[in-house]
Amino acid sequence: MAGEGGAGTLQLRPEDKKTGKSPSARYRLTKAGVMHEIYS
């Protein structure tokens, strides 16, 4: 599972949930509400 451990403890602020991005900008919140780590 991508971001396991990191995503589990990651706290998203309301504004982050709106944009679908985490404070680290390395995670994306999908429409399903599942966080995936972005590889760029």
PDB file of N, CA and C in Angstrom:
ATOM      1  N   MET A   1       0.851  -1.194   0.000  1.00  0.00           N
ATOM      2  CA  MET A   1       0.000   0.000   0.000  1.00  0.00           C
ATOM      3  C   MET A   1       0.886   1.243   0.000  1.00  0.00           C
ATOM      4  N   ALA A   2       0.697   2.103  -0.962  1.00  0.00           N
ATOM      5  CA  ALA A   2       1.545   3.282  -1.102  1.00  0.00           C
ATOM      6  C   ALA A   2       1.331   4.260   0.045  1.00  0.00           C
ATOM      7  N   GLY A   3       2.422   4.706   0.624  1.00  0.00           N
ATOM      8  CA  GLY A   3       2.331   5.694   1.699  1.00  0.00           C
ATOM      9  C   GLY A   3       1.886   5.091   3.014  1.00  0.00           C
ATOM     10  N   GLU A   4       2.013   3.773   3.165  1.00  0.00           N
ATOM     11  CA  GLU A   4       1.591   3.142   4.408  1.00  0.00           C
ATOM     12  C   GLU A   4       2.465   3.645   5.552  1.00  0.00           C
ATOM     13  N   GLY A   5       1.867   4.010   6.658  1.00  0.00           N
ATOM     14  CA  GLY A   5       2.609   4.557   7.784  1.00  0.00           C
ATOM     15  C   GLY A   5       2.607   6.071   7.711  1.00  0.00           C
ATOM     16  N   GLY A   6       3.003   6.606   6.555  1.00  0.00           N
ATOM     17  CA  GLY A   6       3.014   8.054   6.393  1.00  0.00           C
ATOM     18  C   GLY A   6       1.597   8.594   6.259  1.00  0.00           C
ATOM     19  N   ALA A   7       0.823   7.954   5.393  1.00  0.00           N
ATOM     20  CA  ALA A   7      -0.546   8.414   5.149  1.00  0.00           C
ATOM     21  C   ALA A   7      -1.430   8.164   6.370  1.00  0.00           C
ATOM     22  N   GLY A   8      -1.069   7.152   7.134  1.00  0.00           N
ATOM     23  CA  GLY A   8      -1.880   6.798   8.292  1.00  0.00           C
ATOM     24  C   GLY A   8      -1.817   7.854   9.378  1.00  0.00           C
ATOM     25  N   THR A   9      -0.688   8.564   9.445  1.00  0.00           N
ATOM     26  CA  THR A   9      -0.518   9.559  10.499  1.00  0.00           C
ATOM     27  C   THR A   9      -0.684  10.975   9.961  1.00  0.00           C
ATOM     28  N   LEU A  10      -0.906  11.077   8.646  1.00  0.00           N
ATOM     29  CA  LEU A  10      -0.994  12.395   8.022  1.00  0.00           C
ATOM     30  C   LEU A  10      -2.313  13.068   8.360  1.00  0.00           C
ATOM     31  N   GLN A  11      -2.230  14.274   8.880  1.00  0.00           N
ATOM     32  CA  GLN A  11      -3.446  15.012   9.228  1.00  0.00           C
ATOM     33  C   GLN A  11      -3.735  16.056   8.151  1.00  0.00           C
ATOM     34  N   LEU A  12      -4.884  15.915   7.503  1.00  0.00           N
ATOM     35  CA  LEU A  12      -5.245  16.868   6.460  1.00  0.00           C
ATOM     36  C   LEU A  12      -6.082  18.005   7.030  1.00  0.00           C
ATOM     37  N   ARG A  13      -5.740  19.217   6.644  1.00  0.00           N
ATOM     38  CA  ARG A  13      -6.552  20.368   7.038  1.00  0.00           C
ATOM     39  C   ARG A  13      -7.717  20.490   6.076  1.00  0.00           C
ATOM     40  N   PRO A  14      -8.786  21.177   6.463  1.00  0.00           N
ATOM     41  CA  PRO A  14      -9.967  21.340   5.595  1.00  0.00           C
ATOM     42  C   PRO A  14      -9.598  21.852   4.206  1.00  0.00           C
ATOM     43  N   GLU A  15      -8.685  22.786   4.122  1.00  0.00           N
ATOM     44  CA  GLU A  15      -8.299  23.347   2.828  1.00  0.00           C
ATOM     45  C   GLU A  15      -7.549  22.320   1.995  1.00  0.00           C
ATOM     46  N   ASP A  16      -6.836  21.417   2.677  1.00  0.00           N
ATOM     47  CA  ASP A  16      -6.107  20.377   1.956  1.00  0.00           C
ATOM     48  C   ASP A  16      -7.082  19.365   1.372  1.00  0.00           C
ATOM     49  N   LYS A  17      -8.150  19.091   2.106  1.00  0.00           N
ATOM     50  CA  LYS A  17      -9.156  18.141   1.619  1.00  0.00           C
ATOM     51  C   LYS A  17      -9.867  18.696   0.385  1.00  0.00           C
ATOM     52  N   LYS A  18     -10.030  20.020   0.356  1.00  0.00           N
ATOM     53  CA  LYS A  18     -10.700  20.646  -0.785  1.00  0.00           C
ATOM     54  C   LYS A  18      -9.853  20.504  -2.050  1.00  0.00           C
ATOM     55  N   THR A  19      -8.556  20.671  -1.903  1.00  0.00           N
ATOM     56  CA  THR A  19      -7.666  20.594  -3.056  1.00  0.00           C
ATOM     57  C   THR A  19      -7.303  19.155  -3.362  1.00  0.00           C
ATOM     58  N   GLY A  20      -7.508  18.266  -2.404  1.00  0.00           N
ATOM     59  CA  GLY A  20      -7.192  16.862  -2.615  1.00  0.00           C
ATOM     60  C   GLY A  20      -5.711  16.596  -2.461  1.00  0.00           C
ATOM     61  N   LYS A  21      -5.006  17.532  -1.845  1.00  0.00           N
ATOM     62  CA  LYS A  21      -3.562  17.361  -1.681  1.00  0.00           C
ATOM     63  C   LYS A  21      -3.186  17.500  -0.212  1.00  0.00           C
ATOM     64  N   SER A  22      -2.128  16.801   0.161  1.00  0.00           N
ATOM     65  CA  SER A  22      -1.658  16.863   1.532  1.00  0.00           C
ATOM     66  C   SER A  22      -0.669  18.011   1.678  1.00  0.00           C
ATOM     67  N   PRO A  23      -0.355  18.419   2.922  1.00  0.00           N
ATOM     68  CA  PRO A  23       0.611  19.483   3.174  1.00  0.00           C
ATOM     69  C   PRO A  23       1.960  19.201   2.520  1.00  0.00           C
ATOM     70  N   SER A  24       2.329  17.926   2.383  1.00  0.00           N
ATOM     71  CA  SER A  24       3.616  17.566   1.799  1.00  0.00           C
ATOM     72  C   SER A  24       3.563  17.626   0.284  1.00  0.00           C
ATOM     73  N   ALA A  25       2.350  17.686  -0.267  1.00  0.00           N
ATOM     74  CA  ALA A  25       2.132  17.754  -1.713  1.00  0.00           C
ATOM     75  C   ALA A  25       2.614  16.491  -2.407  1.00  0.00           C
ATOM     76  N   ARG A  26       2.865  15.433  -1.639  1.00  0.00           N
ATOM     77  CA  ARG A  26       3.314  14.182  -2.233  1.00  0.00           C
ATOM     78  C   ARG A  26       2.193  13.154  -2.242  1.00  0.00           C
ATOM     79  N   TYR A  27       1.052  13.556  -1.683  1.00  0.00           N
ATOM     80  CA  TYR A  27      -0.083  12.630  -1.616  1.00  0.00           C
ATOM     81  C   TYR A  27      -1.301  13.247  -2.288  1.00  0.00           C
ATOM     82  N   ARG A  28      -2.125  12.400  -2.866  1.00  0.00           N
ATOM     83  CA  ARG A  28      -3.338  12.892  -3.527  1.00  0.00           C
ATOM     84  C   ARG A  28      -4.537  12.136  -2.979  1.00  0.00           C
ATOM     85  N   LEU A  29      -5.579  12.864  -2.673  1.00  0.00           N
ATOM     86  CA  LEU A  29      -6.793  12.245  -2.181  1.00  0.00           C
ATOM     87  C   LEU A  29      -7.728  11.990  -3.359  1.00  0.00           C
ATOM     88  N   THR A  30      -7.985  10.715  -3.641  1.00  0.00           N
ATOM     89  CA  THR A  30      -8.819  10.366  -4.785  1.00  0.00           C
ATOM     90  C   THR A  30     -10.285  10.579  -4.469  1.00  0.00           C
ATOM     91  N   LYS A  31     -11.126  10.446  -5.493  1.00  0.00           N
ATOM     92  CA  LYS A  31     -12.566  10.626  -5.304  1.00  0.00           C
ATOM     93  C   LYS A  31     -13.117   9.586  -4.346  1.00  0.00           C
ATOM     94  N   ALA A  32     -12.445   8.439  -4.277  1.00  0.00           N
ATOM     95  CA  ALA A  32     -12.879   7.359  -3.395  1.00  0.00           C
ATOM     96  C   ALA A  32     -12.495   7.647  -1.947  1.00  0.00           C
ATOM     97  N   GLY A  33     -11.705   8.701  -1.744  1.00  0.00           N
ATOM     98  CA  GLY A  33     -11.305   9.061  -0.390  1.00  0.00           C
ATOM     99  C   GLY A  33     -10.076   8.298   0.057  1.00  0.00           C
ATOM    100  N   VAL A  34      -9.392   7.697  -0.908  1.00  0.00           N
ATOM    101  CA  VAL A  34      -8.186   6.936  -0.590  1.00  0.00           C
ATOM    102  C   VAL A  34      -6.961   7.755  -0.973  1.00  0.00           C
ATOM    103  N   MET A  35      -6.005   7.788  -0.064  1.00  0.00           N
ATOM    104  CA  MET A  35      -4.799   8.564  -0.341  1.00  0.00           C
ATOM    105  C   MET A  35      -3.786   7.740  -1.114  1.00  0.00           C
ATOM    106  N   HIS A  36      -3.213   8.339  -2.167  1.00  0.00           N
ATOM    107  CA  HIS A  36      -2.185   7.688  -2.948  1.00  0.00           C
ATOM    108  C   HIS A  36      -0.975   8.600  -3.026  1.00  0.00           C
ATOM    109  N   GLU A  37       0.209   8.007  -2.943  1.00  0.00           N
ATOM    110  CA  GLU A  37       1.420   8.797  -3.032  1.00  0.00           C
ATOM    111  C   GLU A  37       1.717   9.095  -4.497  1.00  0.00           C
ATOM    112  N   ILE A  38       2.069  10.338  -4.779  1.00  0.00           N
ATOM    113  CA  ILE A  38       2.342  10.746  -6.154  1.00  0.00           C
ATOM    114  C   ILE A  38       3.825  10.549  -6.477  1.00  0.00           C
ATOM    115  N   TYR A  39       4.074   9.812  -7.534  1.00  0.00           N
ATOM    116  CA  TYR A  39       5.457   9.627  -7.998  1.00  0.00           C
ATOM    117  C   TYR A  39       5.651  10.486  -9.223  1.00  0.00           C
ATOM    118  N   SER A  40       6.559  11.455  -9.106  1.00  0.00           N
ATOM    119  CA  SER A  40       6.757  12.346 -10.236  1.00  0.00           C
ATOM    120  C   SER A  40       8.220  12.419 -10.633  1.00  0.00           C
TER     121      SER A  40
END
